[in-house]
Amino acid sequence: MGLAEKRWVQERKKTDEEAFVSQLKAVAQAEVPVEIDWDAFSANMDDAQYISHDSYGLPNLIKALKEVTVDDLGKEAVKSGLKKVVIKPAPSDQARFTFEGGVIQWHAYFGSSSSGYVYADQMKKTIEAAL
């Protein structure tokens, strides 16, 4: 990893990750550990630059959780059921989103082709099915 990648990782942790963790805490009404593999994302910064995009980036998961927690039943289910969020990069054909044992595993693709995106409606269905 070169200096440009190291700077990118440092900036993403300071801006995108802090904002994401803050929003997640507000929606889940609990501290939820978050692991984002920034080093792995930095290997392809052309794709990773879209990680904070409103339509398919990190805000997508917040949107899905907001939809799940629209009522007291959903709020309580997320608060007691969500234990951890793990986000790692994946090629578009291997992107997936799972929620098992209280852990969201998002193998995410954030590149310029929409074929690997996981949208909020898919996330919501997966989360609700597991709660």
N, C-alpha and C. Protein backbone atom coordinates (compact mmCIF):
# COMPACT_ATOMS: atom_id res chain seq x y z
N MET A 1 0.85 -1.17 0.00
CA MET A 1 0.00 0.00 0.00
C MET A 1 0.89 1.23 0.00
N GLY A 2 0.65 2.09 -0.98
CA GLY A 2 1.43 3.32 -1.09
C GLY A 2 0.88 4.44 -0.21
N LEU A 3 1.55 5.55 -0.26
CA LEU A 3 1.17 6.70 0.56
C LEU A 3 -0.23 7.21 0.20
N ALA A 4 -0.57 7.24 -1.07
CA ALA A 4 -1.90 7.71 -1.48
C ALA A 4 -2.99 6.83 -0.88
N GLU A 5 -2.77 5.52 -0.90
CA GLU A 5 -3.75 4.60 -0.33
C GLU A 5 -3.86 4.76 1.19
N LYS A 6 -2.70 4.95 1.84
CA LYS A 6 -2.70 5.15 3.29
C LYS A 6 -3.47 6.42 3.66
N ARG A 7 -3.26 7.46 2.89
CA ARG A 7 -3.99 8.72 3.15
C ARG A 7 -5.49 8.53 2.92
N TRP A 8 -5.82 7.81 1.87
CA TRP A 8 -7.23 7.54 1.57
C TRP A 8 -7.88 6.78 2.72
N VAL A 9 -7.21 5.73 3.21
CA VAL A 9 -7.74 4.94 4.33
C VAL A 9 -7.92 5.82 5.56
N GLN A 10 -6.92 6.61 5.87
CA GLN A 10 -7.00 7.48 7.04
C GLN A 10 -8.19 8.45 6.92
N GLU A 11 -8.38 9.01 5.75
CA GLU A 11 -9.49 9.95 5.53
C GLU A 11 -10.85 9.25 5.61
N ARG A 12 -10.96 8.07 5.03
CA ARG A 12 -12.23 7.33 5.07
C ARG A 12 -12.60 6.96 6.51
N LYS A 13 -11.61 6.55 7.29
CA LYS A 13 -11.88 6.20 8.69
C LYS A 13 -12.38 7.41 9.46
N LYS A 14 -11.80 8.56 9.14
CA LYS A 14 -12.13 9.78 9.87
C LYS A 14 -13.48 10.35 9.45
N THR A 15 -13.83 10.20 8.20
CA THR A 15 -15.07 10.82 7.71
C THR A 15 -16.17 9.78 7.54
N ASP A 16 -16.03 8.89 6.58
CA ASP A 16 -17.10 7.94 6.25
C ASP A 16 -17.41 6.99 7.39
N GLU A 17 -16.37 6.41 8.00
CA GLU A 17 -16.63 5.43 9.06
C GLU A 17 -17.24 6.09 10.29
N GLU A 18 -16.72 7.24 10.68
CA GLU A 18 -17.27 7.92 11.85
C GLU A 18 -18.73 8.30 11.63
N ALA A 19 -19.07 8.80 10.46
CA ALA A 19 -20.45 9.16 10.15
C ALA A 19 -21.34 7.91 10.14
N PHE A 20 -20.85 6.83 9.53
CA PHE A 20 -21.61 5.59 9.46
C PHE A 20 -21.87 5.03 10.85
N VAL A 21 -20.86 4.98 11.69
CA VAL A 21 -20.99 4.44 13.06
C VAL A 21 -21.98 5.29 13.86
N SER A 22 -21.91 6.58 13.70
CA SER A 22 -22.82 7.50 14.40
C SER A 22 -24.27 7.27 13.96
N GLN A 23 -24.48 7.17 12.67
CA GLN A 23 -25.83 6.93 12.14
C GLN A 23 -26.34 5.55 12.56
N LEU A 24 -25.47 4.56 12.54
CA LEU A 24 -25.85 3.20 12.95
C LEU A 24 -26.27 3.18 14.41
N LYS A 25 -25.52 3.86 15.25
CA LYS A 25 -25.85 3.92 16.68
C LYS A 25 -27.22 4.58 16.89
N ALA A 26 -27.49 5.64 16.15
CA ALA A 26 -28.77 6.33 16.27
C ALA A 26 -29.94 5.45 15.84
N VAL A 27 -29.77 4.71 14.75
CA VAL A 27 -30.84 3.86 14.24
C VAL A 27 -31.02 2.62 15.11
N ALA A 28 -29.92 1.98 15.49
CA ALA A 28 -29.99 0.74 16.26
C ALA A 28 -30.27 0.99 17.74
N GLN A 29 -30.09 2.22 18.17
CA GLN A 29 -30.25 2.60 19.58
C GLN A 29 -29.34 1.77 20.47
N ALA A 30 -28.16 1.46 19.96
CA ALA A 30 -27.18 0.67 20.70
C ALA A 30 -25.81 0.84 20.03
N GLU A 31 -24.78 0.54 20.82
CA GLU A 31 -23.42 0.51 20.26
C GLU A 31 -23.27 -0.79 19.47
N VAL A 32 -22.96 -0.67 18.21
CA VAL A 32 -22.78 -1.84 17.36
C VAL A 32 -21.37 -1.78 16.78
N PRO A 33 -20.53 -2.78 17.09
CA PRO A 33 -19.18 -2.79 16.52
C PRO A 33 -19.23 -2.86 14.99
N VAL A 34 -18.37 -2.08 14.36
CA VAL A 34 -18.30 -2.03 12.90
C VAL A 34 -16.87 -2.32 12.47
N GLU A 35 -16.74 -3.24 11.52
CA GLU A 35 -15.44 -3.55 10.92
C GLU A 35 -15.54 -3.30 9.42
N ILE A 36 -14.84 -2.30 8.96
CA ILE A 36 -14.77 -2.02 7.52
C ILE A 36 -13.32 -2.24 7.10
N ASP A 37 -13.11 -3.10 6.13
CA ASP A 37 -11.75 -3.43 5.68
C ASP A 37 -11.26 -2.36 4.71
N TRP A 38 -10.91 -1.20 5.27
CA TRP A 38 -10.46 -0.08 4.44
C TRP A 38 -9.21 -0.41 3.65
N ASP A 39 -8.30 -1.16 4.25
CA ASP A 39 -7.06 -1.51 3.53
C ASP A 39 -7.38 -2.29 2.26
N ALA A 40 -8.29 -3.24 2.36
CA ALA A 40 -8.66 -4.02 1.17
C ALA A 40 -9.40 -3.15 0.15
N PHE A 41 -10.27 -2.26 0.63
CA PHE A 41 -10.96 -1.35 -0.29
C PHE A 41 -9.96 -0.45 -1.02
N SER A 42 -8.88 -0.06 -0.33
CA SER A 42 -7.91 0.87 -0.94
C SER A 42 -7.16 0.24 -2.10
N ALA A 43 -7.22 -1.07 -2.23
CA ALA A 43 -6.55 -1.74 -3.35
C ALA A 43 -7.17 -1.36 -4.69
N ASN A 44 -8.42 -0.91 -4.67
CA ASN A 44 -9.09 -0.48 -5.90
C ASN A 44 -9.85 0.81 -5.60
N MET A 45 -9.12 1.90 -5.50
CA MET A 45 -9.74 3.17 -5.12
C MET A 45 -10.68 3.72 -6.18
N ASP A 46 -10.52 3.31 -7.44
CA ASP A 46 -11.46 3.75 -8.46
C ASP A 46 -12.87 3.28 -8.13
N ASP A 47 -13.00 2.04 -7.67
CA ASP A 47 -14.30 1.51 -7.27
C ASP A 47 -14.69 1.99 -5.88
N ALA A 48 -13.74 1.98 -4.96
CA ALA A 48 -14.04 2.29 -3.56
C ALA A 48 -14.45 3.74 -3.34
N GLN A 49 -14.17 4.61 -4.29
CA GLN A 49 -14.57 6.01 -4.13
C GLN A 49 -16.08 6.16 -3.99
N TYR A 50 -16.83 5.15 -4.41
CA TYR A 50 -18.29 5.20 -4.35
C TYR A 50 -18.86 4.63 -3.04
N ILE A 51 -18.01 4.31 -2.09
CA ILE A 51 -18.44 3.67 -0.85
C ILE A 51 -19.43 4.52 -0.06
N SER A 52 -19.39 5.82 -0.22
CA SER A 52 -20.32 6.68 0.51
C SER A 52 -21.48 7.17 -0.36
N HIS A 53 -21.66 6.57 -1.52
CA HIS A 53 -22.73 6.96 -2.44
C HIS A 53 -24.10 6.65 -1.82
N ASP A 54 -25.03 7.59 -1.93
CA ASP A 54 -26.35 7.44 -1.31
C ASP A 54 -27.16 6.26 -1.84
N SER A 55 -27.01 5.92 -3.10
CA SER A 55 -27.86 4.90 -3.70
C SER A 55 -27.40 3.46 -3.47
N TYR A 56 -26.10 3.26 -3.28
CA TYR A 56 -25.62 1.89 -3.13
C TYR A 56 -24.45 1.75 -2.18
N GLY A 57 -24.02 2.82 -1.56
CA GLY A 57 -22.90 2.76 -0.62
C GLY A 57 -23.36 2.55 0.81
N LEU A 58 -22.53 2.94 1.75
CA LEU A 58 -22.83 2.77 3.17
C LEU A 58 -24.20 3.34 3.59
N PRO A 59 -24.62 4.49 3.05
CA PRO A 59 -25.93 5.02 3.43
C PRO A 59 -27.08 4.06 3.13
N ASN A 60 -26.86 3.14 2.20
CA ASN A 60 -27.89 2.15 1.87
C ASN A 60 -28.24 1.28 3.07
N LEU A 61 -27.24 0.87 3.83
CA LEU A 61 -27.50 0.04 5.01
C LEU A 61 -28.25 0.84 6.07
N ILE A 62 -27.89 2.09 6.25
CA ILE A 62 -28.60 2.94 7.20
C ILE A 62 -30.06 3.09 6.77
N LYS A 63 -30.28 3.30 5.47
CA LYS A 63 -31.65 3.42 4.94
C LYS A 63 -32.45 2.15 5.22
N ALA A 64 -31.85 1.00 4.98
CA ALA A 64 -32.54 -0.27 5.22
C ALA A 64 -32.89 -0.42 6.70
N LEU A 65 -31.96 -0.10 7.57
CA LEU A 65 -32.21 -0.22 9.01
C LEU A 65 -33.28 0.77 9.47
N LYS A 66 -33.31 1.95 8.88
CA LYS A 66 -34.36 2.92 9.22
C LYS A 66 -35.73 2.37 8.84
N GLU A 67 -35.80 1.68 7.72
CA GLU A 67 -37.06 1.09 7.28
C GLU A 67 -37.48 -0.07 8.19
N VAL A 68 -36.51 -0.83 8.67
CA VAL A 68 -36.81 -1.93 9.60
C VAL A 68 -37.28 -1.39 10.94
N THR A 69 -36.70 -0.28 11.38
CA THR A 69 -37.00 0.27 12.70
C THR A 69 -38.09 1.33 12.67
N VAL A 70 -38.97 1.24 11.72
CA VAL A 70 -40.04 2.22 11.56
C VAL A 70 -41.06 2.17 12.70
N ASP A 71 -41.13 1.04 13.40
CA ASP A 71 -42.06 0.92 14.53
C ASP A 71 -41.32 0.35 15.74
N ASP A 72 -42.01 0.30 16.88
CA ASP A 72 -41.38 -0.17 18.12
C ASP A 72 -40.91 -1.61 18.02
N LEU A 73 -41.67 -2.45 17.33
CA LEU A 73 -41.29 -3.85 17.17
C LEU A 73 -39.97 -3.97 16.42
N GLY A 74 -39.82 -3.22 15.34
CA GLY A 74 -38.58 -3.23 14.57
C GLY A 74 -37.42 -2.64 15.35
N LYS A 75 -37.69 -1.57 16.08
CA LYS A 75 -36.63 -0.94 16.88
C LYS A 75 -36.09 -1.92 17.91
N GLU A 76 -36.98 -2.60 18.61
CA GLU A 76 -36.55 -3.55 19.64
C GLU A 76 -35.82 -4.74 19.03
N ALA A 77 -36.31 -5.21 17.88
CA ALA A 77 -35.67 -6.35 17.21
C ALA A 77 -34.24 -6.01 16.80
N VAL A 78 -34.02 -4.84 16.24
CA VAL A 78 -32.68 -4.43 15.81
C VAL A 78 -31.80 -4.18 17.03
N LYS A 79 -32.35 -3.50 18.01
CA LYS A 79 -31.57 -3.18 19.21
C LYS A 79 -31.06 -4.44 19.90
N SER A 80 -31.88 -5.46 19.96
CA SER A 80 -31.47 -6.69 20.65
C SER A 80 -30.82 -7.70 19.71
N GLY A 81 -31.06 -7.58 18.41
CA GLY A 81 -30.58 -8.61 17.49
C GLY A 81 -29.32 -8.30 16.71
N LEU A 82 -29.01 -7.01 16.53
CA LEU A 82 -27.83 -6.65 15.74
C LEU A 82 -26.62 -6.54 16.65
N LYS A 83 -25.64 -7.39 16.42
CA LYS A 83 -24.45 -7.46 17.27
C LYS A 83 -23.19 -6.88 16.63
N LYS A 84 -23.14 -6.89 15.29
CA LYS A 84 -21.91 -6.47 14.61
C LYS A 84 -22.18 -6.26 13.13
N VAL A 85 -21.41 -5.36 12.52
CA VAL A 85 -21.47 -5.13 11.08
C VAL A 85 -20.06 -5.29 10.51
N VAL A 86 -19.91 -6.14 9.52
CA VAL A 86 -18.62 -6.39 8.87
C VAL A 86 -18.79 -6.09 7.38
N ILE A 87 -17.93 -5.20 6.87
CA ILE A 87 -18.02 -4.81 5.46
C ILE A 87 -16.65 -5.02 4.81
N LYS A 88 -16.65 -5.83 3.75
CA LYS A 88 -15.42 -6.14 3.03
C LYS A 88 -15.68 -5.96 1.53
N PRO A 89 -14.65 -5.67 0.76
CA PRO A 89 -14.85 -5.54 -0.68
C PRO A 89 -15.01 -6.89 -1.35
N ALA A 90 -15.72 -6.87 -2.47
CA ALA A 90 -15.90 -8.07 -3.28
C ALA A 90 -16.05 -7.67 -4.74
N PRO A 91 -15.65 -8.52 -5.65
CA PRO A 91 -15.94 -8.25 -7.06
C PRO A 91 -17.45 -8.26 -7.27
N SER A 92 -17.92 -7.61 -8.31
CA SER A 92 -19.36 -7.49 -8.52
C SER A 92 -20.08 -8.83 -8.56
N ASP A 93 -19.44 -9.86 -9.10
CA ASP A 93 -20.10 -11.16 -9.21
C ASP A 93 -20.06 -11.96 -7.90
N GLN A 94 -19.38 -11.45 -6.88
CA GLN A 94 -19.33 -12.14 -5.59
C GLN A 94 -19.91 -11.30 -4.46
N ALA A 95 -20.52 -10.18 -4.80
CA ALA A 95 -21.12 -9.31 -3.79
C ALA A 95 -22.31 -10.02 -3.16
N ARG A 96 -22.43 -9.87 -1.83
CA ARG A 96 -23.56 -10.48 -1.13
C ARG A 96 -23.78 -9.78 0.21
N PHE A 97 -24.96 -9.98 0.75
CA PHE A 97 -25.35 -9.37 2.02
C PHE A 97 -26.06 -10.43 2.83
N THR A 98 -25.53 -10.73 4.03
CA THR A 98 -26.16 -11.73 4.89
C THR A 98 -26.32 -11.16 6.30
N PHE A 99 -27.23 -11.76 7.04
CA PHE A 99 -27.43 -11.40 8.44
C PHE A 99 -27.71 -12.70 9.19
N GLU A 100 -26.70 -13.18 9.89
CA GLU A 100 -26.80 -14.45 10.62
C GLU A 100 -26.14 -14.31 11.97
N GLY A 101 -26.77 -14.84 12.99
CA GLY A 101 -26.20 -14.81 14.33
C GLY A 101 -25.96 -13.41 14.85
N GLY A 102 -26.76 -12.46 14.40
CA GLY A 102 -26.62 -11.08 14.84
C GLY A 102 -25.56 -10.29 14.10
N VAL A 103 -24.93 -10.89 13.11
CA VAL A 103 -23.84 -10.23 12.38
C VAL A 103 -24.23 -9.99 10.93
N ILE A 104 -24.17 -8.73 10.54
CA ILE A 104 -24.33 -8.38 9.13
C ILE A 104 -22.98 -8.55 8.46
N GLN A 105 -22.95 -9.35 7.42
CA GLN A 105 -21.75 -9.53 6.60
C GLN A 105 -22.08 -8.98 5.22
N TRP A 106 -21.42 -7.90 4.87
CA TRP A 106 -21.66 -7.29 3.57
C TRP A 106 -20.38 -7.37 2.76
N HIS A 107 -20.37 -8.25 1.79
CA HIS A 107 -19.27 -8.35 0.85
C HIS A 107 -19.68 -7.44 -0.30
N ALA A 108 -19.15 -6.22 -0.27
CA ALA A 108 -19.69 -5.13 -1.06
C ALA A 108 -18.88 -4.81 -2.29
N TYR A 109 -19.61 -4.46 -3.32
CA TYR A 109 -19.03 -3.93 -4.54
C TYR A 109 -19.56 -2.51 -4.70
N PHE A 110 -18.65 -1.55 -4.83
CA PHE A 110 -19.04 -0.15 -4.96
C PHE A 110 -18.53 0.47 -6.25
N GLY A 111 -18.27 -0.33 -7.25
CA GLY A 111 -17.70 0.17 -8.50
C GLY A 111 -18.71 0.88 -9.38
N SER A 112 -18.31 1.13 -10.60
CA SER A 112 -19.12 1.93 -11.52
C SER A 112 -20.19 1.13 -12.26
N SER A 113 -20.19 -0.19 -12.11
CA SER A 113 -21.20 -1.03 -12.76
C SER A 113 -22.21 -1.49 -11.71
N SER A 114 -23.47 -1.35 -12.00
CA SER A 114 -24.51 -1.66 -11.01
C SER A 114 -24.76 -3.15 -10.82
N SER A 115 -24.08 -4.01 -11.55
CA SER A 115 -24.37 -5.44 -11.47
C SER A 115 -24.11 -6.06 -10.10
N GLY A 116 -23.25 -5.46 -9.29
CA GLY A 116 -22.95 -6.04 -7.99
C GLY A 116 -23.52 -5.30 -6.80
N TYR A 117 -24.32 -4.28 -7.04
CA TYR A 117 -24.84 -3.49 -5.93
C TYR A 117 -25.87 -4.26 -5.12
N VAL A 118 -25.87 -4.02 -3.83
CA VAL A 118 -26.91 -4.54 -2.94
C VAL A 118 -27.69 -3.32 -2.47
N TYR A 119 -28.95 -3.25 -2.84
CA TYR A 119 -29.75 -2.07 -2.53
C TYR A 119 -30.49 -2.23 -1.21
N ALA A 120 -30.98 -1.10 -0.69
CA ALA A 120 -31.62 -1.06 0.63
C ALA A 120 -32.80 -2.01 0.74
N ASP A 121 -33.60 -2.16 -0.32
CA ASP A 121 -34.76 -3.05 -0.23
C ASP A 121 -34.34 -4.50 -0.04
N GLN A 122 -33.25 -4.92 -0.69
CA GLN A 122 -32.73 -6.28 -0.49
C GLN A 122 -32.21 -6.45 0.93
N MET A 123 -31.49 -5.43 1.42
CA MET A 123 -30.96 -5.48 2.78
C MET A 123 -32.09 -5.59 3.80
N LYS A 124 -33.11 -4.78 3.61
CA LYS A 124 -34.25 -4.77 4.53
C LYS A 124 -34.88 -6.16 4.61
N LYS A 125 -35.11 -6.78 3.46
CA LYS A 125 -35.72 -8.12 3.43
C LYS A 125 -34.85 -9.13 4.15
N THR A 126 -33.55 -9.06 3.94
CA THR A 126 -32.62 -9.99 4.59
C THR A 126 -32.61 -9.78 6.10
N ILE A 127 -32.57 -8.54 6.53
CA ILE A 127 -32.56 -8.23 7.96
C ILE A 127 -33.85 -8.66 8.63
N GLU A 128 -34.98 -8.31 8.02
CA GLU A 128 -36.28 -8.68 8.61
C GLU A 128 -36.47 -10.18 8.68
N ALA A 129 -35.98 -10.89 7.68
CA ALA A 129 -36.13 -12.35 7.69
C ALA A 129 -35.34 -12.98 8.83
N ALA A 130 -34.22 -12.36 9.19
CA ALA A 130 -33.35 -12.92 10.25
C ALA A 130 -33.77 -12.49 11.65
N LEU A 131 -34.60 -11.46 11.75
CA LEU A 131 -35.03 -11.00 13.07
C LEU A 131 -36.30 -11.71 13.48
